[in-house]
N, C-alpha and C. Protein backbone atom coordinates (compact mmCIF):
# COMPACT_ATOMS: atom_id res chain seq x y z
N MET A 1 24.71 137.68 48.12
CA MET A 1 23.68 138.05 47.18
C MET A 1 22.60 136.96 47.18
N THR A 2 21.39 137.36 47.41
CA THR A 2 20.26 136.44 47.47
C THR A 2 19.70 136.21 46.07
N THR A 3 19.54 134.96 45.70
CA THR A 3 18.96 134.63 44.40
C THR A 3 17.43 134.68 44.51
N VAL A 4 16.77 134.67 43.38
CA VAL A 4 15.31 134.67 43.34
C VAL A 4 14.78 133.42 44.05
N LYS A 5 15.44 132.29 43.82
CA LYS A 5 15.00 131.04 44.44
C LYS A 5 15.11 131.13 45.97
N GLU A 6 16.23 131.68 46.47
CA GLU A 6 16.40 131.83 47.91
C GLU A 6 15.39 132.83 48.48
N ALA A 7 15.18 133.93 47.76
CA ALA A 7 14.22 134.94 48.22
C ALA A 7 12.82 134.35 48.30
N ARG A 8 12.44 133.56 47.31
CA ARG A 8 11.12 132.92 47.32
C ARG A 8 10.98 132.02 48.55
N ARG A 9 12.02 131.25 48.85
CA ARG A 9 11.99 130.37 50.02
C ARG A 9 11.84 131.17 51.31
N ILE A 10 12.63 132.25 51.45
CA ILE A 10 12.58 133.08 52.65
C ILE A 10 11.20 133.70 52.82
N LEU A 11 10.65 134.24 51.74
CA LEU A 11 9.34 134.89 51.82
C LEU A 11 8.24 133.88 52.12
N LYS A 12 8.29 132.71 51.49
CA LYS A 12 7.26 131.69 51.75
C LYS A 12 7.34 131.19 53.19
N GLU A 13 8.55 131.07 53.74
CA GLU A 13 8.69 130.64 55.13
C GLU A 13 8.06 131.64 56.09
N ASN A 14 8.14 132.93 55.76
CA ASN A 14 7.67 133.98 56.65
C ASN A 14 6.24 134.45 56.36
N PHE A 15 5.79 134.35 55.12
CA PHE A 15 4.49 134.91 54.77
C PHE A 15 3.57 133.93 54.03
N GLY A 16 4.08 132.80 53.60
CA GLY A 16 3.30 131.87 52.81
C GLY A 16 2.38 131.01 53.63
N MET A 17 1.39 130.48 52.95
CA MET A 17 0.48 129.52 53.56
C MET A 17 0.29 128.38 52.56
N ASP A 18 0.42 127.15 53.04
CA ASP A 18 0.35 126.00 52.15
C ASP A 18 -1.00 125.87 51.45
N ASP A 19 -2.07 126.26 52.14
CA ASP A 19 -3.40 126.05 51.55
C ASP A 19 -3.81 127.16 50.56
N ASP A 20 -3.03 128.23 50.46
CA ASP A 20 -3.34 129.31 49.51
C ASP A 20 -2.03 129.87 48.96
N PRO A 21 -1.65 129.45 47.78
CA PRO A 21 -0.36 129.88 47.22
C PRO A 21 -0.31 131.35 46.82
N GLY A 22 -1.40 132.10 46.93
CA GLY A 22 -1.42 133.49 46.53
C GLY A 22 -0.76 134.46 47.49
N HIS A 23 -0.31 133.98 48.65
CA HIS A 23 0.31 134.87 49.64
C HIS A 23 1.64 135.41 49.15
N VAL A 24 2.42 134.62 48.45
CA VAL A 24 3.70 135.05 47.88
C VAL A 24 3.73 134.63 46.42
N THR A 25 3.81 135.61 45.52
CA THR A 25 3.89 135.30 44.10
C THR A 25 5.06 136.05 43.48
N PHE A 26 5.52 135.57 42.33
CA PHE A 26 6.63 136.20 41.61
C PHE A 26 6.25 136.31 40.15
N SER A 27 6.30 137.53 39.61
CA SER A 27 5.96 137.75 38.22
C SER A 27 6.67 139.01 37.72
N LYS A 28 7.24 138.92 36.54
CA LYS A 28 7.89 140.06 35.88
C LYS A 28 8.94 140.73 36.77
N GLY A 29 9.69 139.92 37.50
CA GLY A 29 10.78 140.43 38.33
C GLY A 29 10.36 141.00 39.68
N LEU A 30 9.08 140.90 40.02
CA LEU A 30 8.59 141.43 41.28
C LEU A 30 7.93 140.35 42.12
N PHE A 31 8.22 140.37 43.40
CA PHE A 31 7.50 139.54 44.36
C PHE A 31 6.31 140.33 44.87
N THR A 32 5.16 139.68 45.00
CA THR A 32 4.00 140.28 45.65
C THR A 32 3.71 139.47 46.90
N ILE A 33 3.69 140.15 48.03
CA ILE A 33 3.42 139.50 49.31
C ILE A 33 2.08 140.03 49.81
N ARG A 34 1.18 139.13 50.18
CA ARG A 34 -0.14 139.51 50.66
C ARG A 34 -0.35 138.99 52.08
N GLU A 35 -1.01 139.82 52.89
CA GLU A 35 -1.35 139.41 54.26
C GLU A 35 -2.81 139.76 54.50
N GLY A 36 -3.62 138.74 54.70
CA GLY A 36 -5.05 138.95 54.88
C GLY A 36 -5.40 139.46 56.26
N TYR A 37 -6.58 140.07 56.35
CA TYR A 37 -7.08 140.54 57.64
C TYR A 37 -8.60 140.49 57.64
N PHE A 38 -9.16 140.39 58.83
CA PHE A 38 -10.60 140.54 59.01
C PHE A 38 -10.85 141.91 59.63
N TYR A 39 -10.03 142.25 60.64
CA TYR A 39 -9.99 143.60 61.21
C TYR A 39 -8.58 144.12 61.05
N ARG A 40 -8.43 145.40 60.79
CA ARG A 40 -7.09 145.97 60.60
C ARG A 40 -6.34 146.16 61.92
N HIS A 41 -7.04 146.47 62.99
CA HIS A 41 -6.42 146.71 64.30
C HIS A 41 -5.28 147.73 64.20
N GLY A 42 -5.47 148.76 63.39
CA GLY A 42 -4.48 149.82 63.27
C GLY A 42 -3.32 149.51 62.34
N ARG A 43 -3.29 148.32 61.78
CA ARG A 43 -2.20 147.95 60.87
C ARG A 43 -2.41 148.58 59.50
N THR A 44 -1.31 148.76 58.77
CA THR A 44 -1.37 149.30 57.42
C THR A 44 -0.43 148.49 56.52
N GLU A 45 -0.45 148.80 55.23
CA GLU A 45 0.48 148.13 54.31
C GLU A 45 1.93 148.48 54.63
N GLU A 46 2.17 149.64 55.27
CA GLU A 46 3.54 149.99 55.67
C GLU A 46 4.09 149.01 56.69
N ASP A 47 3.22 148.51 57.58
CA ASP A 47 3.64 147.51 58.56
C ASP A 47 4.09 146.22 57.87
N LEU A 48 3.34 145.82 56.85
CA LEU A 48 3.73 144.63 56.09
C LEU A 48 5.05 144.88 55.36
N ALA A 49 5.21 146.06 54.78
CA ALA A 49 6.45 146.39 54.07
C ALA A 49 7.65 146.31 55.02
N LYS A 50 7.50 146.81 56.24
CA LYS A 50 8.60 146.75 57.22
C LYS A 50 8.96 145.29 57.54
N LYS A 51 7.93 144.44 57.70
CA LYS A 51 8.19 143.03 57.99
C LYS A 51 8.92 142.36 56.84
N VAL A 52 8.54 142.69 55.60
CA VAL A 52 9.20 142.11 54.44
C VAL A 52 10.66 142.53 54.40
N LEU A 53 10.94 143.81 54.63
CA LEU A 53 12.32 144.30 54.58
C LEU A 53 13.17 143.75 55.73
N GLU A 54 12.55 143.40 56.85
CA GLU A 54 13.29 142.77 57.95
C GLU A 54 13.80 141.39 57.56
N VAL A 55 12.98 140.62 56.85
CA VAL A 55 13.39 139.26 56.49
C VAL A 55 14.16 139.21 55.17
N LEU A 56 14.03 140.27 54.36
CA LEU A 56 14.71 140.29 53.06
C LEU A 56 15.27 141.70 52.81
N PRO A 57 16.40 142.02 53.46
CA PRO A 57 16.95 143.38 53.36
C PRO A 57 17.40 143.77 51.96
N GLU A 58 17.61 142.80 51.07
CA GLU A 58 18.03 143.10 49.70
C GLU A 58 16.87 143.60 48.84
N ALA A 59 15.68 143.63 49.40
CA ALA A 59 14.49 144.02 48.64
C ALA A 59 14.27 145.53 48.69
N LYS A 60 13.63 146.02 47.65
CA LYS A 60 13.21 147.42 47.58
C LYS A 60 11.70 147.43 47.33
N VAL A 61 10.97 148.16 48.16
CA VAL A 61 9.52 148.23 47.99
C VAL A 61 9.22 149.09 46.77
N VAL A 62 8.49 148.51 45.83
CA VAL A 62 8.13 149.20 44.59
C VAL A 62 6.73 149.79 44.70
N ASP A 63 5.82 149.08 45.37
CA ASP A 63 4.44 149.52 45.50
C ASP A 63 3.80 148.77 46.67
N SER A 64 2.74 149.34 47.21
CA SER A 64 2.00 148.66 48.28
C SER A 64 0.58 149.20 48.30
N GLY A 65 -0.29 148.47 48.98
CA GLY A 65 -1.67 148.92 49.04
C GLY A 65 -2.52 148.08 49.96
N ASP A 66 -3.79 148.45 50.01
CA ASP A 66 -4.77 147.79 50.85
C ASP A 66 -5.95 147.42 49.94
N HIS A 67 -6.16 146.13 49.76
CA HIS A 67 -7.28 145.66 48.93
C HIS A 67 -8.44 145.33 49.86
N TYR A 68 -9.46 146.17 49.82
CA TYR A 68 -10.62 145.91 50.66
C TYR A 68 -11.66 145.14 49.85
N ALA A 69 -12.19 144.10 50.46
CA ALA A 69 -13.26 143.31 49.85
C ALA A 69 -14.17 142.82 50.97
N SER A 70 -15.41 142.61 50.65
CA SER A 70 -16.34 142.04 51.64
C SER A 70 -15.89 140.65 52.02
N PHE A 71 -16.14 140.28 53.26
CA PHE A 71 -15.75 138.96 53.73
C PHE A 71 -16.50 137.89 52.95
N ASP A 72 -15.76 136.90 52.49
CA ASP A 72 -16.33 135.75 51.78
C ASP A 72 -15.62 134.52 52.30
N GLY A 73 -16.21 133.84 53.26
CA GLY A 73 -15.56 132.69 53.87
C GLY A 73 -15.06 131.68 52.85
N GLY A 74 -13.82 131.30 52.96
CA GLY A 74 -13.23 130.31 52.06
C GLY A 74 -12.66 130.90 50.78
N ALA A 75 -12.77 132.20 50.60
CA ALA A 75 -12.23 132.83 49.39
C ALA A 75 -10.70 132.86 49.45
N SER A 76 -10.07 132.92 48.30
CA SER A 76 -8.61 133.00 48.26
C SER A 76 -8.17 134.36 48.79
N ILE A 77 -6.88 134.48 49.08
CA ILE A 77 -6.34 135.74 49.60
C ILE A 77 -6.57 136.88 48.59
N ARG A 78 -6.50 136.58 47.32
CA ARG A 78 -6.68 137.62 46.30
C ARG A 78 -8.09 138.19 46.29
N ARG A 79 -9.06 137.41 46.73
CA ARG A 79 -10.45 137.87 46.75
C ARG A 79 -10.89 138.33 48.13
N SER A 80 -10.02 138.24 49.11
CA SER A 80 -10.32 138.63 50.48
C SER A 80 -9.63 139.96 50.80
N PRO A 81 -10.05 140.62 51.88
CA PRO A 81 -9.35 141.85 52.26
C PRO A 81 -7.91 141.53 52.65
N HIS A 82 -6.97 142.31 52.11
CA HIS A 82 -5.56 142.06 52.41
C HIS A 82 -4.71 143.28 52.11
N PHE A 83 -3.57 143.34 52.81
CA PHE A 83 -2.53 144.29 52.48
C PHE A 83 -1.62 143.61 51.47
N TRP A 84 -1.04 144.37 50.56
CA TRP A 84 -0.10 143.79 49.61
C TRP A 84 1.10 144.71 49.44
N VAL A 85 2.24 144.08 49.19
CA VAL A 85 3.49 144.80 48.97
C VAL A 85 4.20 144.15 47.79
N LYS A 86 4.65 144.96 46.84
CA LYS A 86 5.45 144.48 45.71
C LYS A 86 6.89 144.90 45.96
N VAL A 87 7.80 143.93 45.88
CA VAL A 87 9.22 144.21 46.09
C VAL A 87 10.05 143.65 44.95
N GLN A 88 11.20 144.27 44.78
CA GLN A 88 12.16 143.85 43.77
C GLN A 88 13.50 143.64 44.47
N LEU A 89 14.22 142.61 44.09
CA LEU A 89 15.54 142.40 44.66
C LEU A 89 16.51 143.43 44.07
N VAL A 90 17.29 144.06 44.94
CA VAL A 90 18.24 145.08 44.52
C VAL A 90 19.63 144.62 44.96
N TYR A 91 20.56 144.65 44.04
CA TYR A 91 21.91 144.22 44.34
C TYR A 91 22.84 145.41 44.24
N SER A 92 23.62 145.65 45.30
CA SER A 92 24.58 146.76 45.26
C SER A 92 25.84 146.29 44.55
N LYS A 93 26.50 147.22 43.89
CA LYS A 93 27.70 146.87 43.11
C LYS A 93 28.95 147.19 43.86
C-alpha cells in the first residue's frame, strides 16, 4: 500500500520540476499532475493519465483536461498551456 508521502515522491520523480513546484500538487485528497507543452504533437490529457497510472497503479483518475493559454515565456506551469490529471489513491480491501 502506497502512502501519500511515497506517492508524492514517485510523482515528483517522474513529473516534477525543481524550478516550478506546480507540476505535482496535493490538495483535498487529490494529486494534480501537470505537463506543459508548446505544441501538442497529437498528445492529449489521456496520454498523461496513462503515464501517471504506469508509475502509480494505485491511483484512480478522477478528472483530466487541457488548459490552453497563450505562450508567456517564464510563466509558471499553471499559467502556461498544459495537460492536467487529478488522481486519488485507491486501496483495495
